[in-house]
């Protein structure tokens, strides 16, 4: 068994109320009055209060834009190369900010980076090592383009490393700059994704022994499954003007139909039952997804409160989000205690359903 011994999180300095972002989108899409009313209703329905972005433009009028063209229709719309240059500029500082929250690092032996919103080489792993003055012989793994469940794959790799080498000290870093990929299209899928996604980074220290200083999370069991019927309903592809996210309204129904079977298999593998679960750390992919999970697992909004808190205050930061949820839970020291089991899930393209059971130690 391996242990999550510290979690660090970070967001950019630009924080925008959800309805201010709706105003930006309505202007950029040059919507008429009826379309604006519908868009604002969509934004209110998300239950997101605020979101963060590395771009300051979402709070400005077009004459003051710094990333987007200073034109009312945002033309010429930024290319994929312009967006990747912005990713390279902003991703590393946000990663370093999240890592700083971990405190003094031990002798890191492995680094795992997770991201689906940007790529370049030499990449984040090498830049983090250089910036922090870490050993140049650290073993490196990059997990790219897996979407919102990417952190689970990073945790599973770290778990395998620590089980194979008890001396391993693994640094996992997830960073997502989703707002670089705003798509200026009126399709329902794009309107929905524009309403949900935000920027953030999270770091995790994983070791073979629990921390002696604070609460740790023992990684007890994992289970993953694919539901191919949802392959076309959640997708993420590189296009000429950024990464295009397909996210249909059918996703909550698919998650609802698959989550019970997924968790039943997870429990069977772990030797536990639902009655052994005290806490829930669900990836807040959106309000409808959280409600679908509550129905399928027969839990209530209070059980799911940490996910709602993160959704409200940060939006969906793709792979980093579930780590924000876990950190939010660990801060609630009045309501958590040792030996409680946590059920955690996330979902992404495929349709992929990831799950794990953690124990507070």
Protein backbone atom coordinates (compact mmCIF):
# COMPACT_ATOMS: atom_id res chain seq x y z
CA UNK A 1 0.00 0.00 0.00
CA UNK A 2 1.17 3.56 -0.71
CA UNK A 3 0.14 6.89 0.79
CA UNK A 4 -0.81 10.39 -0.33
CA UNK A 5 1.14 12.38 2.24
CA UNK A 6 0.54 15.93 1.03
CA UNK A 7 -1.62 17.79 -1.51
CA UNK A 8 -0.92 21.26 -2.83
CA UNK A 9 -3.25 23.31 -5.02
CA UNK A 10 -2.94 26.55 -6.96
CA UNK A 11 -5.06 28.77 -9.21
CA UNK A 12 -4.14 31.79 -11.35
CA UNK A 13 -4.57 35.30 -10.00
CA UNK A 14 -7.45 36.13 -12.35
CA UNK A 15 -10.76 35.24 -10.66
CA UNK A 16 -14.03 35.94 -12.47
CA UNK A 17 -17.64 35.69 -11.29
CA UNK A 18 -19.49 33.17 -13.44
CA UNK A 19 -21.92 35.73 -14.79
CA UNK A 20 -19.08 38.07 -15.80
CA UNK A 21 -17.73 35.24 -17.96
CA UNK A 22 -21.22 34.85 -19.44
CA UNK A 23 -21.09 38.52 -20.47
CA UNK A 24 -17.73 37.94 -22.18
CA UNK A 25 -19.07 34.90 -24.03
CA UNK A 26 -22.24 36.66 -25.15
CA UNK A 27 -20.16 39.53 -26.52
CA UNK A 28 -17.59 37.28 -28.21
CA UNK A 29 -20.34 35.21 -29.83
CA UNK A 30 -22.20 38.39 -30.83
CA UNK A 31 -25.46 37.02 -29.46
CA UNK A 32 -28.84 38.66 -29.83
CA UNK A 33 -31.01 39.38 -26.77
CA UNK A 34 -32.81 36.02 -26.87
CA UNK A 35 -29.53 34.07 -27.19
CA UNK A 36 -28.03 36.05 -24.32
CA UNK A 37 -30.93 35.18 -22.03
CA UNK A 38 -30.53 31.48 -22.83
CA UNK A 39 -26.77 31.62 -22.30
CA UNK A 40 -27.12 33.34 -18.92
CA UNK A 41 -29.71 30.77 -17.85
CA UNK A 42 -27.20 28.04 -18.74
CA UNK A 43 -24.46 29.74 -16.73
CA UNK A 44 -26.71 30.15 -13.68
CA UNK A 45 -27.73 26.49 -13.87
CA UNK A 46 -24.11 25.31 -13.50
CA UNK A 47 -24.06 26.31 -9.79
CA UNK A 48 -20.58 27.72 -10.39
CA UNK A 49 -20.00 30.96 -8.52
CA UNK A 50 -16.55 31.84 -9.85
CA UNK A 51 -13.71 30.48 -11.97
CA UNK A 52 -10.03 31.22 -12.48
CA UNK A 53 -8.05 31.78 -15.67
CA UNK A 54 -4.46 32.52 -16.64
CA UNK A 55 -5.98 35.04 -19.08
CA UNK A 56 -7.15 38.40 -17.80
CA UNK A 57 -9.25 39.06 -20.92
CA UNK A 58 -12.38 37.40 -19.55
CA UNK A 59 -12.87 40.40 -17.27
CA UNK A 60 -12.16 43.11 -19.85
CA UNK A 61 -13.77 44.79 -22.83
CA UNK A 62 -12.31 43.93 -26.22
CA UNK A 63 -10.32 47.17 -26.52
CA UNK A 64 -8.19 46.04 -23.54
CA UNK A 65 -7.63 42.39 -24.49
CA UNK A 66 -4.09 41.07 -24.15
CA UNK A 67 -4.44 37.53 -25.50
CA UNK A 68 -7.44 37.79 -27.83
CA UNK A 69 -7.45 40.30 -30.72
CA UNK A 70 -8.79 43.71 -29.78
CA UNK A 71 -11.81 43.28 -32.04
CA UNK A 72 -15.47 42.76 -31.15
CA UNK A 73 -15.57 39.37 -32.93
CA UNK A 74 -12.10 38.25 -31.68
CA UNK A 75 -10.83 37.88 -35.23
CA UNK A 76 -8.30 36.75 -36.22
CA UNK A 77 -9.10 34.06 -33.64
CA UNK A 78 -5.97 32.73 -31.83
CA UNK A 79 -4.39 29.70 -33.48
CA UNK A 80 -3.34 26.48 -31.79
CA UNK A 81 0.29 27.65 -31.84
CA UNK A 82 -0.62 30.88 -30.02
CA UNK A 83 -2.50 28.90 -27.40
CA UNK A 84 0.40 26.48 -26.90
CA UNK A 85 2.78 29.42 -26.44
CA UNK A 86 0.45 30.71 -23.72
CA UNK A 87 0.36 27.24 -22.14
CA UNK A 88 4.15 27.15 -22.05
CA UNK A 89 4.23 30.62 -20.46
CA UNK A 90 1.67 30.01 -17.72
CA UNK A 91 1.74 26.29 -16.88
CA UNK A 92 5.12 26.08 -15.12
CA UNK A 93 4.57 28.99 -12.66
CA UNK A 94 1.21 27.50 -11.68
CA UNK A 95 2.82 24.07 -11.13
CA UNK A 96 5.54 25.59 -8.95
CA UNK A 97 2.90 27.43 -6.91
CA UNK A 98 1.08 24.15 -6.24
CA UNK A 99 4.31 22.32 -5.38
CA UNK A 100 5.29 25.06 -2.92
CA UNK A 101 2.17 24.20 -0.90
CA UNK A 102 3.63 20.75 -0.19
CA UNK A 103 6.29 22.30 2.04
CA UNK A 104 9.83 20.95 2.15
CA UNK A 105 10.21 18.11 -0.33
CA UNK A 106 12.03 14.88 0.45
CA UNK A 107 14.56 13.45 -2.01
CA UNK A 108 12.20 13.06 -5.00
CA UNK A 109 12.94 9.93 -7.03
CA UNK A 110 10.09 10.06 -9.56
CA UNK A 111 8.02 12.82 -11.14
CA UNK A 112 4.70 12.31 -12.95
CA UNK A 113 3.07 15.17 -14.87
CA UNK A 114 -0.57 15.12 -15.99
CA UNK A 115 -2.18 17.52 -18.47
CA UNK A 116 -4.64 17.48 -21.36
CA UNK A 117 -4.62 21.19 -22.22
CA UNK A 118 -1.11 21.69 -23.59
CA UNK A 119 2.10 20.01 -24.70
CA UNK A 120 5.65 20.99 -25.56
CA UNK A 121 9.13 19.47 -25.28
CA UNK A 122 11.31 19.66 -23.29
CA UNK A 123 8.23 19.64 -21.14
CA UNK A 124 6.92 20.46 -17.71
CA UNK A 125 8.68 17.54 -16.03
CA UNK A 126 12.11 18.79 -17.07
CA UNK A 127 11.26 22.42 -16.32
CA UNK A 128 10.03 21.52 -12.82
CA UNK A 129 13.25 19.59 -12.12
CA UNK A 130 15.34 22.53 -13.34
CA UNK A 131 13.34 25.17 -11.46
CA UNK A 132 13.42 23.28 -8.16
CA UNK A 133 17.03 22.11 -8.50
CA UNK A 134 15.99 18.47 -8.20
CA UNK A 135 18.24 15.57 -9.13
CA UNK A 136 18.73 15.21 -12.87
CA UNK A 137 18.40 11.42 -12.65
CA UNK A 138 14.79 11.52 -11.45
CA UNK A 139 12.60 9.08 -13.38
CA UNK A 140 9.97 10.95 -15.39
CA UNK A 141 6.52 10.02 -16.69
CA UNK A 142 4.16 12.28 -18.67
CA UNK A 143 0.42 11.54 -18.86
CA UNK A 144 -1.27 13.57 -21.56
CA UNK A 145 -4.70 14.01 -23.09
CA UNK A 146 -6.62 11.71 -20.76
CA UNK A 147 -8.96 14.44 -19.58
CA UNK A 148 -10.67 14.72 -16.22
CA UNK A 149 -9.64 11.26 -14.97
CA UNK A 150 -5.91 11.81 -15.64
CA UNK A 151 -5.02 12.22 -11.94
CA UNK A 152 -6.23 8.67 -11.27
CA UNK A 153 -3.72 7.29 -13.76
CA UNK A 154 -0.99 9.35 -12.15
CA UNK A 155 -1.93 8.03 -8.71
CA UNK A 156 -2.01 4.43 -9.97
CA UNK A 157 1.47 4.77 -11.48
CA UNK A 158 2.76 6.30 -8.25
CA UNK A 159 1.14 3.49 -6.27
CA UNK A 160 2.87 0.88 -8.44
CA UNK A 161 6.23 2.64 -8.09
CA UNK A 162 6.01 2.82 -4.29
CA UNK A 163 4.95 -0.82 -3.98
CA UNK A 164 7.93 -1.86 -6.10
CA UNK A 165 10.39 0.46 -4.34
CA UNK A 166 9.68 1.35 -0.68
CA UNK A 167 12.31 4.11 -0.88
CA UNK A 168 10.52 5.92 -3.71
CA UNK A 169 9.34 9.52 -3.25
CA UNK A 170 6.93 10.38 -6.05
CA UNK A 171 5.88 13.90 -7.02
CA UNK A 172 2.65 14.00 -9.05
CA UNK A 173 1.70 17.31 -10.71
CA UNK A 174 -1.55 17.98 -12.60
CA UNK A 175 -1.99 21.27 -14.45
CA UNK A 176 -4.85 22.29 -16.73
CA UNK A 177 -5.30 25.60 -18.53
CA UNK A 178 -8.72 24.87 -19.97
CA UNK A 179 -9.61 28.52 -20.59
CA UNK A 180 -6.96 28.78 -23.29
CA UNK A 181 -9.27 26.70 -25.45
CA UNK A 182 -12.39 28.85 -25.58
CA UNK A 183 -14.21 27.98 -28.81
CA UNK A 184 -16.18 30.70 -30.57
CA UNK A 185 -19.01 28.46 -31.73
CA UNK A 186 -22.72 28.37 -31.02
CA UNK A 187 -22.98 24.57 -30.84
CA UNK A 188 -24.55 23.37 -27.59
CA UNK A 189 -21.48 21.25 -26.75
CA UNK A 190 -19.17 24.26 -26.93
CA UNK A 191 -21.53 26.53 -25.03
CA UNK A 192 -21.63 23.95 -22.22
CA UNK A 193 -17.88 23.37 -22.07
CA UNK A 194 -17.24 27.13 -22.13
CA UNK A 195 -19.57 27.39 -19.11
CA UNK A 196 -17.80 24.77 -16.99
CA UNK A 197 -14.05 24.66 -17.43
CA UNK A 198 -11.36 26.63 -15.60
CA UNK A 199 -7.63 26.67 -14.82
CA UNK A 200 -5.78 25.14 -11.88
CA UNK A 201 -2.90 22.95 -10.76
CA UNK A 202 -2.45 20.37 -8.02
CA UNK A 203 0.56 18.53 -6.66
CA UNK A 204 0.75 15.34 -4.61
CA UNK A 205 3.52 13.65 -2.65
CA UNK A 206 3.17 9.85 -2.64
CA UNK A 207 5.34 7.57 -0.49
CA UNK A 208 5.40 3.99 0.74
CA UNK A 209 4.90 5.06 4.38
CA UNK A 210 2.35 7.49 5.87
CA UNK A 211 3.36 10.96 6.98
CA UNK A 212 4.44 11.44 10.57
CA UNK A 213 3.29 15.08 10.53
CA UNK A 214 -0.29 15.07 9.27
CA UNK A 215 -3.14 12.92 8.02
CA UNK A 216 -2.37 10.71 5.03
CA UNK A 217 -4.55 8.92 2.51
CA UNK A 218 -3.83 5.24 2.00
CA UNK A 219 -4.57 4.15 -1.58
CA UNK A 220 -6.40 0.88 -0.99
CA UNK A 221 -8.02 -0.08 -4.30
CA UNK A 222 -8.61 1.10 -7.88
CA UNK A 223 -11.01 0.05 -10.64
CA UNK A 224 -11.52 1.43 -14.15
CA UNK A 225 -14.01 0.61 -16.89
CA UNK A 226 -14.96 1.80 -20.38
CA UNK A 227 -18.44 2.51 -21.73
CA UNK A 228 -18.02 2.72 -25.50
CA UNK A 229 -21.59 3.89 -26.01
CA UNK A 230 -20.41 7.27 -24.72
CA UNK A 231 -17.37 7.50 -27.00
CA UNK A 232 -18.91 10.26 -29.12
CA UNK A 233 -20.40 12.17 -26.17
CA UNK A 234 -17.15 13.18 -24.49
CA UNK A 235 -14.14 13.84 -26.71
CA UNK A 236 -11.12 16.12 -26.85
CA UNK A 237 -9.28 16.82 -30.10
CA UNK A 238 -6.65 19.18 -31.45
CA UNK A 239 -8.14 21.64 -33.95
CA UNK A 240 -6.83 24.69 -35.80
CA UNK A 241 -8.01 27.08 -33.08
CA UNK A 242 -7.28 25.18 -29.86
CA UNK A 243 -8.44 21.91 -28.34
CA UNK A 244 -12.11 21.25 -29.04
CA UNK A 245 -14.11 19.64 -26.25
CA UNK A 246 -17.21 17.63 -27.06
CA UNK A 247 -19.43 17.33 -24.00
CA UNK A 248 -23.04 16.39 -24.64
CA UNK A 249 -25.98 16.52 -22.26
CA UNK A 250 -26.18 12.70 -22.49
CA UNK A 251 -23.07 12.25 -20.31
CA UNK A 252 -24.91 12.37 -16.93
CA UNK A 253 -27.24 9.58 -18.10
CA UNK A 254 -24.27 7.43 -19.13
CA UNK A 255 -22.49 8.05 -15.85
CA UNK A 256 -25.66 7.27 -13.94
CA UNK A 257 -26.09 3.95 -15.75
CA UNK A 258 -22.46 2.90 -15.29
CA UNK A 259 -21.41 4.15 -11.87
CA UNK A 260 -23.24 1.51 -9.81
CA UNK A 261 -21.67 -1.40 -11.71
CA UNK A 262 -18.28 0.32 -11.51
CA UNK A 263 -18.38 0.79 -7.74
CA UNK A 264 -19.75 -2.73 -7.20
CA UNK A 265 -16.64 -4.12 -8.91
CA UNK A 266 -14.43 -1.73 -6.94
CA UNK A 267 -15.96 -2.95 -3.68
CA UNK A 268 -15.58 -6.60 -4.74
CA UNK A 269 -11.88 -6.04 -5.44
CA UNK A 270 -11.31 -4.30 -2.12
CA UNK A 271 -13.38 -6.59 0.10
CA UNK A 272 -15.48 -3.63 1.22
CA UNK A 273 -19.12 -2.64 0.82
CA UNK A 274 -20.89 0.68 0.41
CA UNK A 275 -21.59 0.63 4.15
CA UNK A 276 -17.83 0.88 4.72
CA UNK A 277 -17.68 4.23 2.92
CA UNK A 278 -17.86 7.35 5.09
CA UNK A 279 -16.78 10.06 2.67
CA UNK A 280 -17.09 10.88 -1.04
CA UNK A 281 -14.62 12.72 -3.29
CA UNK A 282 -16.34 12.85 -6.67
CA UNK A 283 -14.92 14.76 -9.62
CA UNK A 284 -17.34 17.69 -10.12
CA UNK A 285 -17.67 17.43 -13.87
CA UNK A 286 -20.86 19.45 -13.61
CA UNK A 287 -24.00 19.74 -11.50
CA UNK A 288 -25.94 17.21 -13.62
CA UNK A 289 -23.16 14.63 -13.27
CA UNK A 290 -23.05 15.04 -9.48
CA UNK A 291 -26.83 14.66 -9.27
CA UNK A 292 -26.73 11.53 -11.46
CA UNK A 293 -24.11 9.97 -9.19
CA UNK A 294 -26.12 10.79 -6.08
CA UNK A 295 -29.15 9.03 -7.53
CA UNK A 296 -27.17 5.97 -8.64
CA UNK A 297 -25.23 5.59 -5.37
CA UNK A 298 -28.14 6.63 -3.15
CA UNK A 299 -26.22 9.43 -1.47
CA UNK A 300 -27.29 13.03 -0.84
CA UNK A 301 -25.86 16.47 -1.55
CA UNK A 302 -24.35 16.65 1.94
CA UNK A 303 -22.45 13.41 1.27
CA UNK A 304 -21.21 15.08 -1.90
CA UNK A 305 -20.55 18.47 -0.31
CA UNK A 306 -16.82 18.67 -1.03
CA UNK A 307 -17.42 18.27 -4.75
CA UNK A 308 -20.08 21.00 -4.71
CA UNK A 309 -17.78 23.35 -2.81
CA UNK A 310 -15.04 22.96 -5.40
CA UNK A 311 -17.48 23.23 -8.31
CA UNK A 312 -18.89 26.47 -6.89
CA UNK A 313 -15.56 28.12 -6.15
CA UNK A 314 -13.38 26.82 -8.98
CA UNK A 315 -15.44 25.18 -11.73
CA UNK A 316 -14.13 22.10 -13.54
CA UNK A 317 -10.32 22.15 -13.79
CA UNK A 318 -10.16 18.79 -15.54
CA UNK A 319 -7.55 16.40 -14.06
CA UNK A 320 -6.59 18.65 -11.13
CA UNK A 321 -10.14 18.98 -9.81
CA UNK A 322 -10.48 15.74 -7.85
CA UNK A 323 -7.27 16.60 -5.98
CA UNK A 324 -8.84 19.94 -5.00
CA UNK A 325 -11.81 17.94 -3.66
CA UNK A 326 -9.55 15.67 -1.60
CA UNK A 327 -7.67 18.64 -0.17
CA UNK A 328 -10.95 20.37 0.69
CA UNK A 329 -11.99 17.23 2.55
CA UNK A 330 -8.74 17.03 4.52
CA UNK A 331 -9.21 20.64 5.66
CA UNK A 332 -12.54 19.69 7.29
CA UNK A 333 -10.85 18.42 10.44
CA UNK A 334 -14.03 18.58 12.52
CA UNK A 335 -15.81 15.99 10.37
CA UNK A 336 -13.11 13.57 9.31
CA UNK A 337 -11.05 11.15 11.36
CA UNK A 338 -8.70 8.23 11.04
CA UNK A 339 -9.83 4.95 9.48
CA UNK A 340 -12.65 6.50 7.45
CA UNK A 341 -12.88 5.18 3.89
CA UNK A 342 -13.30 7.55 0.93
CA UNK A 343 -14.89 6.65 -2.40
CA UNK A 344 -13.53 8.77 -5.25
CA UNK A 345 -14.53 8.76 -8.94
CA UNK A 346 -13.79 10.69 -12.14
CA UNK A 347 -14.90 10.46 -15.74
CA UNK A 348 -13.49 11.34 -19.14
CA UNK A 349 -13.23 10.51 -22.83
CA UNK A 350 -13.87 6.92 -23.75
CA UNK A 351 -16.31 7.08 -21.91
CA UNK A 352 -13.87 6.24 -19.09
CA UNK A 353 -15.02 5.72 -15.51
CA UNK A 354 -12.26 5.69 -12.86
CA UNK A 355 -12.71 4.90 -9.19
CA UNK A 356 -10.64 4.34 -6.06
CA UNK A 357 -10.97 3.79 -2.34
CA UNK A 358 -8.77 5.72 0.06
CA UNK A 359 -8.46 5.45 3.82
CA UNK A 360 -7.59 8.29 6.18
CA UNK A 361 -4.60 7.29 8.33
